[in-house]
C-alpha atoms as a PDB file:
ATOM      1  CA  MET A   1      54.571  33.075  24.374  1.00  0.00           C
ATOM      2  CA  GLY A   2      52.447  36.105  23.560  1.00  0.00           C
ATOM      3  CA  ARG A   3      49.159  35.752  21.752  1.00  0.00           C
ATOM      4  CA  VAL A   4      49.454  35.980  17.978  1.00  0.00           C
ATOM      5  CA  THR A   5      47.064  38.476  16.502  1.00  0.00           C
ATOM      6  CA  THR A   6      45.794  38.300  12.965  1.00  0.00           C
ATOM      7  CA  PRO A   7      46.102  41.603  11.107  1.00  0.00           C
ATOM      8  CA  THR A   8      42.837  43.119   9.923  1.00  0.00           C
ATOM      9  CA  GLU A   9      42.368  42.682   6.203  1.00  0.00           C
ATOM     10  CA  TYR A  10      40.424  44.969   3.899  1.00  0.00           C
ATOM     11  CA  ARG A  11      39.133  43.438   0.715  1.00  0.00           C
ATOM     12  CA  GLN A  12      38.374  45.428  -2.399  1.00  0.00           C
ATOM     13  CA  PHE A  13      34.903  46.945  -2.464  1.00  0.00           C
ATOM     14  CA  ARG A  14      32.220  45.235  -4.533  1.00  0.00           C
ATOM     15  CA  PHE A  15      29.365  47.477  -5.607  1.00  0.00           C
ATOM     16  CA  THR A  16      25.939  46.834  -4.109  1.00  0.00           C
ATOM     17  CA  LEU A  17      22.813  48.843  -4.808  1.00  0.00           C
ATOM     18  CA  PRO A  18      22.432  51.487  -2.068  1.00  0.00           C
ATOM     19  CA  PRO A  19      19.132  51.355  -0.143  1.00  0.00           C
ATOM     20  CA  GLY A  20      16.528  53.528  -1.887  1.00  0.00           C
ATOM     21  CA  ALA A  21      18.415  53.592  -5.199  1.00  0.00           C
ATOM     22  CA  THR A  22      16.968  52.740  -8.613  1.00  0.00           C
ATOM     23  CA  GLU A  23      18.852  50.723 -11.201  1.00  0.00           C
ATOM     24  CA  PHE A  24      18.188  51.452 -14.866  1.00  0.00           C
ATOM     25  CA  LEU A  25      19.042  49.210 -17.783  1.00  0.00           C
ATOM     26  CA  LEU A  26      18.948  51.678 -20.669  1.00  0.00           C
ATOM     27  CA  VAL A  27      18.405  49.772 -23.903  1.00  0.00           C
ATOM     28  CA  ARG A  28      18.868  51.445 -27.240  1.00  0.00           C
ATOM     29  CA  HIS A  29      16.179  50.312 -29.682  1.00  0.00           C
ATOM     30  CA  GLY A  30      17.052  47.905 -32.453  1.00  0.00           C
ATOM     31  CA  GLU A  31      18.102  49.112 -35.885  1.00  0.00           C
ATOM     32  CA  SER A  32      15.268  51.007 -37.545  1.00  0.00           C
ATOM     33  CA  ALA A  33      14.268  51.126 -41.202  1.00  0.00           C
ATOM     34  CA  PRO A  34      16.662  52.917 -43.561  1.00  0.00           C
ATOM     35  CA  ALA A  35      15.968  56.525 -44.480  1.00  0.00           C
ATOM     36  CA  ARG A  36      15.030  57.476 -48.049  1.00  0.00           C
ATOM     37  CA  ALA A  37      14.797  60.986 -49.437  1.00  0.00           C
ATOM     38  CA  ASP A  38      11.629  60.104 -51.361  1.00  0.00           C
ATOM     39  CA  GLN A  39       9.854  58.482 -48.393  1.00  0.00           C
ATOM     40  CA  PRO A  40      10.164  60.562 -45.197  1.00  0.00           C
ATOM     41  CA  PHE A  41       9.387  58.768 -41.972  1.00  0.00           C
ATOM     42  CA  PRO A  42       6.037  59.595 -40.337  1.00  0.00           C
ATOM     43  CA  LEU A  43       6.262  61.914 -37.340  1.00  0.00           C
ATOM     44  CA  VAL A  44       4.992  61.451 -33.792  1.00  0.00           C
ATOM     45  CA  ASP A  45       5.140  64.544 -31.580  1.00  0.00           C
ATOM     46  CA  GLY A  46       7.379  66.104 -34.230  1.00  0.00           C
ATOM     47  CA  ARG A  47       9.898  63.230 -34.205  1.00  0.00           C
ATOM     48  CA  ALA A  48      10.630  60.604 -36.846  1.00  0.00           C
ATOM     49  CA  ASP A  49       8.858  57.334 -36.118  1.00  0.00           C
ATOM     50  CA  PRO A  50      10.300  54.569 -38.333  1.00  0.00           C
ATOM     51  CA  PRO A  51       9.610  50.909 -37.532  1.00  0.00           C
ATOM     52  CA  LEU A  52      12.361  48.411 -36.817  1.00  0.00           C
ATOM     53  CA  ALA A  53      14.229  46.939 -39.737  1.00  0.00           C
ATOM     54  CA  PRO A  54      14.446  43.124 -39.895  1.00  0.00           C
ATOM     55  CA  GLU A  55      17.899  43.409 -38.301  1.00  0.00           C
ATOM     56  CA  GLY A  56      16.367  45.427 -35.481  1.00  0.00           C
ATOM     57  CA  GLU A  57      13.703  42.807 -34.883  1.00  0.00           C
ATOM     58  CA  GLN A  58      16.436  40.200 -34.431  1.00  0.00           C
ATOM     59  CA  GLN A  59      18.280  42.505 -32.052  1.00  0.00           C
ATOM     60  CA  ALA A  60      15.061  42.914 -30.050  1.00  0.00           C
ATOM     61  CA  GLU A  61      14.789  39.130 -29.668  1.00  0.00           C
ATOM     62  CA  LEU A  62      18.393  38.923 -28.462  1.00  0.00           C
ATOM     63  CA  VAL A  63      17.802  41.719 -25.945  1.00  0.00           C
ATOM     64  CA  GLY A  64      14.770  39.828 -24.675  1.00  0.00           C
ATOM     65  CA  GLU A  65      16.834  36.658 -24.243  1.00  0.00           C
ATOM     66  CA  ARG A  66      19.577  38.535 -22.405  1.00  0.00           C
ATOM     67  CA  LEU A  67      17.356  40.393 -19.971  1.00  0.00           C
ATOM     68  CA  ALA A  68      14.848  37.603 -19.340  1.00  0.00           C
ATOM     69  CA  ALA A  69      17.251  36.212 -16.729  1.00  0.00           C
ATOM     70  CA  GLU A  70      17.337  39.515 -14.851  1.00  0.00           C
ATOM     71  CA  GLU A  71      15.000  40.536 -12.054  1.00  0.00           C
ATOM     72  CA  ILE A  72      13.233  43.301 -13.958  1.00  0.00           C
ATOM     73  CA  ASP A  73      10.530  45.055 -11.949  1.00  0.00           C
ATOM     74  CA  THR A  74       9.085  47.245 -14.692  1.00  0.00           C
ATOM     75  CA  ILE A  75       9.584  48.245 -18.327  1.00  0.00           C
ATOM     76  CA  TYR A  76       9.417  51.726 -19.846  1.00  0.00           C
ATOM     77  CA  VAL A  77       9.349  52.765 -23.500  1.00  0.00           C
ATOM     78  CA  THR A  78       9.130  56.127 -25.246  1.00  0.00           C
ATOM     79  CA  SER A  79       6.342  57.443 -27.468  1.00  0.00           C
ATOM     80  CA  LEU A  80       8.148  56.135 -30.572  1.00  0.00           C
ATOM     81  CA  ARG A  81       7.299  52.699 -31.925  1.00  0.00           C
ATOM     82  CA  ARG A  82      10.844  51.442 -32.381  1.00  0.00           C
ATOM     83  CA  THR A  83      11.191  51.316 -28.598  1.00  0.00           C
ATOM     84  CA  HIS A  84       7.840  49.514 -28.239  1.00  0.00           C
ATOM     85  CA  GLN A  85       8.907  46.938 -30.824  1.00  0.00           C
ATOM     86  CA  THR A  86      12.301  46.431 -29.172  1.00  0.00           C
ATOM     87  CA  ALA A  87      10.761  45.972 -25.728  1.00  0.00           C
ATOM     88  CA  ALA A  88       8.054  43.576 -26.925  1.00  0.00           C
ATOM     89  CA  PRO A  89      10.014  40.281 -26.712  1.00  0.00           C
ATOM     90  CA  LEU A  90      11.147  41.009 -23.146  1.00  0.00           C
ATOM     91  CA  ALA A  91       7.697  42.225 -22.089  1.00  0.00           C
ATOM     92  CA  LYS A  92       6.181  39.001 -23.429  1.00  0.00           C
ATOM     93  CA  ARG A  93       8.704  36.815 -21.615  1.00  0.00           C
ATOM     94  CA  LEU A  94       8.214  38.620 -18.302  1.00  0.00           C
ATOM     95  CA  GLU A  95       4.471  39.216 -18.749  1.00  0.00           C
ATOM     96  CA  LEU A  96       4.915  42.922 -18.083  1.00  0.00           C
ATOM     97  CA  THR A  97       3.078  45.799 -19.762  1.00  0.00           C
ATOM     98  CA  PRO A  98       5.485  48.646 -20.633  1.00  0.00           C
ATOM     99  CA  SER A  99       4.721  52.171 -19.457  1.00  0.00           C
ATOM    100  CA  VAL A 100       5.247  55.087 -21.839  1.00  0.00           C
ATOM    101  CA  GLU A 101       7.568  57.942 -20.810  1.00  0.00           C
ATOM    102  CA  PRO A 102       7.608  60.665 -23.521  1.00  0.00           C
ATOM    103  CA  GLY A 103      10.357  62.522 -21.668  1.00  0.00           C
ATOM    104  CA  MET A 104      12.851  59.854 -22.754  1.00  0.00           C
ATOM    105  CA  SER A 105      12.112  60.272 -26.476  1.00  0.00           C
ATOM    106  CA  GLU A 106      14.901  61.092 -28.910  1.00  0.00           C
ATOM    107  CA  ILE A 107      16.283  64.578 -29.490  1.00  0.00           C
ATOM    108  CA  MET A 108      14.003  66.775 -31.598  1.00  0.00           C
ATOM    109  CA  LEU A 109      15.885  67.449 -34.843  1.00  0.00           C
ATOM    110  CA  GLY A 110      13.806  70.335 -36.194  1.00  0.00           C
ATOM    111  CA  GLU A 111      14.079  70.746 -39.960  1.00  0.00           C
ATOM    112  CA  TRP A 112      16.099  67.527 -40.204  1.00  0.00           C
ATOM    113  CA  GLU A 113      13.366  65.213 -38.906  1.00  0.00           C
ATOM    114  CA  GLY A 114      11.719  62.437 -40.897  1.00  0.00           C
ATOM    115  CA  GLY A 115      15.024  60.734 -41.734  1.00  0.00           C
ATOM    116  CA  LEU A 116      16.714  63.794 -43.227  1.00  0.00           C
ATOM    117  CA  PHE A 117      19.253  63.842 -40.365  1.00  0.00           C
ATOM    118  CA  ARG A 118      20.728  60.516 -41.476  1.00  0.00           C
ATOM    119  CA  ILE A 119      20.946  61.699 -45.050  1.00  0.00           C
ATOM    120  CA  LYS A 120      22.618  65.013 -44.223  1.00  0.00           C
ATOM    121  CA  VAL A 121      25.157  63.349 -41.907  1.00  0.00           C
ATOM    122  CA  ALA A 122      25.965  60.663 -44.507  1.00  0.00           C
ATOM    123  CA  GLU A 123      26.472  63.361 -47.146  1.00  0.00           C
ATOM    124  CA  GLY A 124      28.789  65.356 -44.875  1.00  0.00           C
ATOM    125  CA  HIS A 125      26.568  68.454 -44.962  1.00  0.00           C
ATOM    126  CA  GLU A 126      28.344  71.528 -43.600  1.00  0.00           C
ATOM    127  CA  THR A 127      25.752  71.937 -40.840  1.00  0.00           C
ATOM    128  CA  ALA A 128      26.331  68.338 -39.743  1.00  0.00           C
ATOM    129  CA  VAL A 129      30.072  68.954 -39.653  1.00  0.00           C
ATOM    130  CA  ARG A 130      29.499  72.059 -37.547  1.00  0.00           C
ATOM    131  CA  MET A 131      27.103  70.183 -35.244  1.00  0.00           C
ATOM    132  CA  PHE A 132      29.728  67.569 -34.410  1.00  0.00           C
ATOM    133  CA  ALA A 133      32.463  70.174 -34.058  1.00  0.00           C
ATOM    134  CA  GLU A 134      30.439  72.312 -31.649  1.00  0.00           C
ATOM    135  CA  GLN A 135      28.706  69.303 -30.034  1.00  0.00           C
ATOM    136  CA  ARG A 136      25.334  71.029 -30.137  1.00  0.00           C
ATOM    137  CA  TRP A 137      22.139  69.656 -31.663  1.00  0.00           C
ATOM    138  CA  ASP A 138      20.586  73.082 -32.122  1.00  0.00           C
ATOM    139  CA  VAL A 139      23.043  73.954 -34.864  1.00  0.00           C
ATOM    140  CA  ILE A 140      20.346  72.237 -36.936  1.00  0.00           C
ATOM    141  CA  PRO A 141      17.541  74.759 -37.620  1.00  0.00           C
ATOM    142  CA  GLY A 142      14.675  74.215 -35.214  1.00  0.00           C
ATOM    143  CA  ALA A 143      16.408  71.428 -33.265  1.00  0.00           C
ATOM    144  CA  GLU A 144      16.108  71.017 -29.514  1.00  0.00           C
ATOM    145  CA  SER A 145      18.927  72.565 -27.498  1.00  0.00           C
ATOM    146  CA  THR A 146      21.276  70.438 -25.414  1.00  0.00           C
ATOM    147  CA  GLU A 147      20.054  72.253 -22.314  1.00  0.00           C
ATOM    148  CA  ALA A 148      16.366  71.581 -22.981  1.00  0.00           C
ATOM    149  CA  PHE A 149      17.150  67.992 -23.963  1.00  0.00           C
ATOM    150  CA  GLY A 150      19.075  67.394 -20.749  1.00  0.00           C
ATOM    151  CA  ASP A 151      16.422  69.013 -18.576  1.00  0.00           C
ATOM    152  CA  ARG A 152      13.578  66.835 -19.855  1.00  0.00           C
ATOM    153  CA  ILE A 153      15.672  63.658 -19.570  1.00  0.00           C
ATOM    154  CA  ARG A 154      16.689  64.500 -16.015  1.00  0.00           C
ATOM    155  CA  ASP A 155      13.075  65.244 -15.072  1.00  0.00           C
ATOM    156  CA  ALA A 156      11.916  61.921 -16.520  1.00  0.00           C
ATOM    157  CA  LEU A 157      14.622  59.838 -14.852  1.00  0.00           C
ATOM    158  CA  VAL A 158      14.181  61.486 -11.472  1.00  0.00           C
ATOM    159  CA  ARG A 159      10.434  60.896 -11.696  1.00  0.00           C
ATOM    160  CA  ILE A 160      10.865  57.239 -12.637  1.00  0.00           C
ATOM    161  CA  ALA A 161      13.503  56.709  -9.951  1.00  0.00           C
ATOM    162  CA  ALA A 162      11.219  58.147  -7.288  1.00  0.00           C
ATOM    163  CA  ALA A 163       8.486  55.715  -8.314  1.00  0.00           C
ATOM    164  CA  HIS A 164      10.760  52.660  -8.329  1.00  0.00           C
ATOM    165  CA  ARG A 165      13.155  52.833  -5.397  1.00  0.00           C
ATOM    166  CA  ASP A 166      14.998  49.578  -4.706  1.00  0.00           C
ATOM    167  CA  GLN A 167      13.928  48.279  -8.118  1.00  0.00           C
ATOM    168  CA  ARG A 168      15.431  47.512 -11.519  1.00  0.00           C
ATOM    169  CA  VAL A 169      13.896  49.315 -14.497  1.00  0.00           C
ATOM    170  CA  ALA A 170      14.395  48.314 -18.135  1.00  0.00           C
ATOM    171  CA  LEU A 171      14.040  51.537 -20.115  1.00  0.00           C
ATOM    172  CA  PHE A 172      13.976  51.248 -23.909  1.00  0.00           C
ATOM    173  CA  THR A 173      15.127  54.520 -25.415  1.00  0.00           C
ATOM    174  CA  HIS A 174      17.382  56.143 -28.044  1.00  0.00           C
ATOM    175  CA  GLY A 175      21.034  56.703 -28.859  1.00  0.00           C
ATOM    176  CA  GLY A 176      20.980  60.450 -28.320  1.00  0.00           C
ATOM    177  CA  VAL A 177      19.214  60.002 -24.993  1.00  0.00           C
ATOM    178  CA  ILE A 178      21.715  57.441 -23.728  1.00  0.00           C
ATOM    179  CA  GLY A 179      24.586  59.676 -24.792  1.00  0.00           C
ATOM    180  CA  GLN A 180      23.074  62.613 -22.919  1.00  0.00           C
ATOM    181  CA  VAL A 181      22.468  60.534 -19.786  1.00  0.00           C
ATOM    182  CA  VAL A 182      26.057  59.299 -19.643  1.00  0.00           C
ATOM    183  CA  ALA A 183      27.418  62.770 -20.369  1.00  0.00           C
ATOM    184  CA  MET A 184      25.377  64.223 -17.497  1.00  0.00           C
ATOM    185  CA  ALA A 185      26.420  61.442 -15.140  1.00  0.00           C
ATOM    186  CA  THR A 186      30.114  61.713 -15.940  1.00  0.00           C
ATOM    187  CA  GLY A 187      30.521  65.403 -16.748  1.00  0.00           C
ATOM    188  CA  SER A 188      31.965  64.506 -20.163  1.00  0.00           C
ATOM    189  CA  GLN A 189      31.802  66.485 -23.373  1.00  0.00           C
ATOM    190  CA  PRO A 190      28.226  66.528 -24.757  1.00  0.00           C
ATOM    191  CA  PHE A 191      28.815  64.119 -27.649  1.00  0.00           C
ATOM    192  CA  ALA A 192      31.336  61.789 -25.977  1.00  0.00           C
ATOM    193  CA  PHE A 193      28.816  58.939 -25.631  1.00  0.00           C
ATOM    194  CA  ILE A 194      26.319  59.423 -28.467  1.00  0.00           C
ATOM    195  CA  ASP A 195      27.307  56.270 -30.374  1.00  0.00           C
ATOM    196  CA  ALA A 196      25.684  53.486 -28.327  1.00  0.00           C
ATOM    197  CA  ASP A 197      24.951  50.563 -30.634  1.00  0.00           C
ATOM    198  CA  ASN A 198      21.438  49.435 -31.537  1.00  0.00           C
ATOM    199  CA  GLY A 199      20.287  46.862 -28.998  1.00  0.00           C
ATOM    200  CA  SER A 200      23.018  47.789 -26.508  1.00  0.00           C
ATOM    201  CA  ILE A 201      22.546  47.990 -22.734  1.00  0.00           C
ATOM    202  CA  THR A 202      23.832  50.805 -20.523  1.00  0.00           C
ATOM    203  CA  GLN A 203      23.499  50.503 -16.760  1.00  0.00           C
ATOM    204  CA  LEU A 204      22.740  53.536 -14.583  1.00  0.00           C
ATOM    205  CA  VAL A 205      22.101  53.764 -10.842  1.00  0.00           C
ATOM    206  CA  ILE A 206      20.356  56.815  -9.400  1.00  0.00           C
ATOM    207  CA  HIS A 207      20.675  57.335  -5.667  1.00  0.00           C
ATOM    208  CA  GLY A 208      19.450  60.750  -4.630  1.00  0.00           C
ATOM    209  CA  ASP A 209      21.545  63.320  -6.476  1.00  0.00           C
ATOM    210  CA  ARG A 210      24.197  60.757  -7.372  1.00  0.00           C
ATOM    211  CA  TRP A 211      24.194  59.141 -10.834  1.00  0.00           C
ATOM    212  CA  ILE A 212      26.482  56.122 -11.236  1.00  0.00           C
ATOM    213  CA  ILE A 213      27.326  54.562 -14.606  1.00  0.00           C
ATOM    214  CA  ARG A 214      27.970  50.838 -14.141  1.00  0.00           C
ATOM    215  CA  ARG A 215      28.424  49.961 -17.834  1.00  0.00           C
ATOM    216  CA  PHE A 216      28.062  51.509 -21.278  1.00  0.00           C
ATOM    217  CA  ASN A 217      27.211  49.933 -24.648  1.00  0.00           C
ATOM    218  CA  ASP A 218      27.100  46.297 -23.519  1.00  0.00           C
ATOM    219  CA  THR A 219      26.516  44.267 -26.709  1.00  0.00           C
ATOM    220  CA  ALA A 220      27.647  40.778 -25.639  1.00  0.00           C
ATOM    221  CA  HIS A 221      24.184  39.374 -26.367  1.00  0.00           C
ATOM    222  CA  LEU A 222      24.291  40.558 -29.989  1.00  0.00           C
ATOM    223  CA  HIS A 223      27.262  38.411 -30.948  1.00  0.00           C
ATOM    224  CA  PRO A 224      26.999  34.857 -32.358  1.00  0.00           C
ATOM    225  CA  ARG A 225      28.820  33.254 -29.437  1.00  0.00           C
ATOM    226  CA  PHE A 226      26.408  34.663 -26.862  1.00  0.00           C
ATOM    227  CA  SER A 227      24.776  31.950 -24.738  1.00  0.00           C
ATOM    228  CA  MET A 228      22.041  32.169 -22.152  1.00  0.00           C
ATOM    229  CA  ARG A 229      24.449  30.357 -19.846  1.00  0.00           C
ATOM    230  CA  ALA A 230      26.434  33.568 -19.603  1.00  0.00           C
ATOM    231  CA  GLU A 231      26.500  35.327 -16.264  1.00  0.00           C
ATOM    232  CA  PRO A 232      23.613  37.772 -15.581  1.00  0.00           C
ATOM    233  CA  LEU A 233      24.240  41.496 -15.765  1.00  0.00           C
ATOM    234  CA  THR A 234      24.527  41.850 -11.993  1.00  0.00           C
END
């Protein structure tokens, strides 16, 4: 009888981090204080700087619980305090001191800073309607352009990635920033991903010129049934 040969089998590919790549866990800050027309938010570098609301503080604790089981090498925050406050529970658990990266701060909203953006959008202001229709922030007078916004985010991420090859970075940032990152990585319409939830986690891998989105708007840890026995992110 002839020898029986076993056919070669090819299993489905399971993603592994390429050598030299950097993995980012992009965390949107927790819910911030509500806007009021009679009490504008203070500004930092021309951007609104509200603190976390009580709901946001709880979200920050849940983020810290979720990511404490991960092998986080470093933590980054922006120049705005809501990211510092959201990162604080995780930083305490891991005994890490966050680094500040201003390039990952939220979009500059020009004349609609200080909380006015929320008010105008809620009221259905004609400029807000036009902004969403055209998918351009700079429809708002004095606001940062999509191009300038994207350029500074790309510069910041490339710089961080170069400093943390083969590492996992927890980067606490903003909804507009996360939306811009995912749009750049996927080639989507500019506003396709601007609605990441407060306290959500989006996973990005940068390997040279390649940007890979592994997940978007992960909020499993924010729900009542979440347990620390759940599987880690990766």
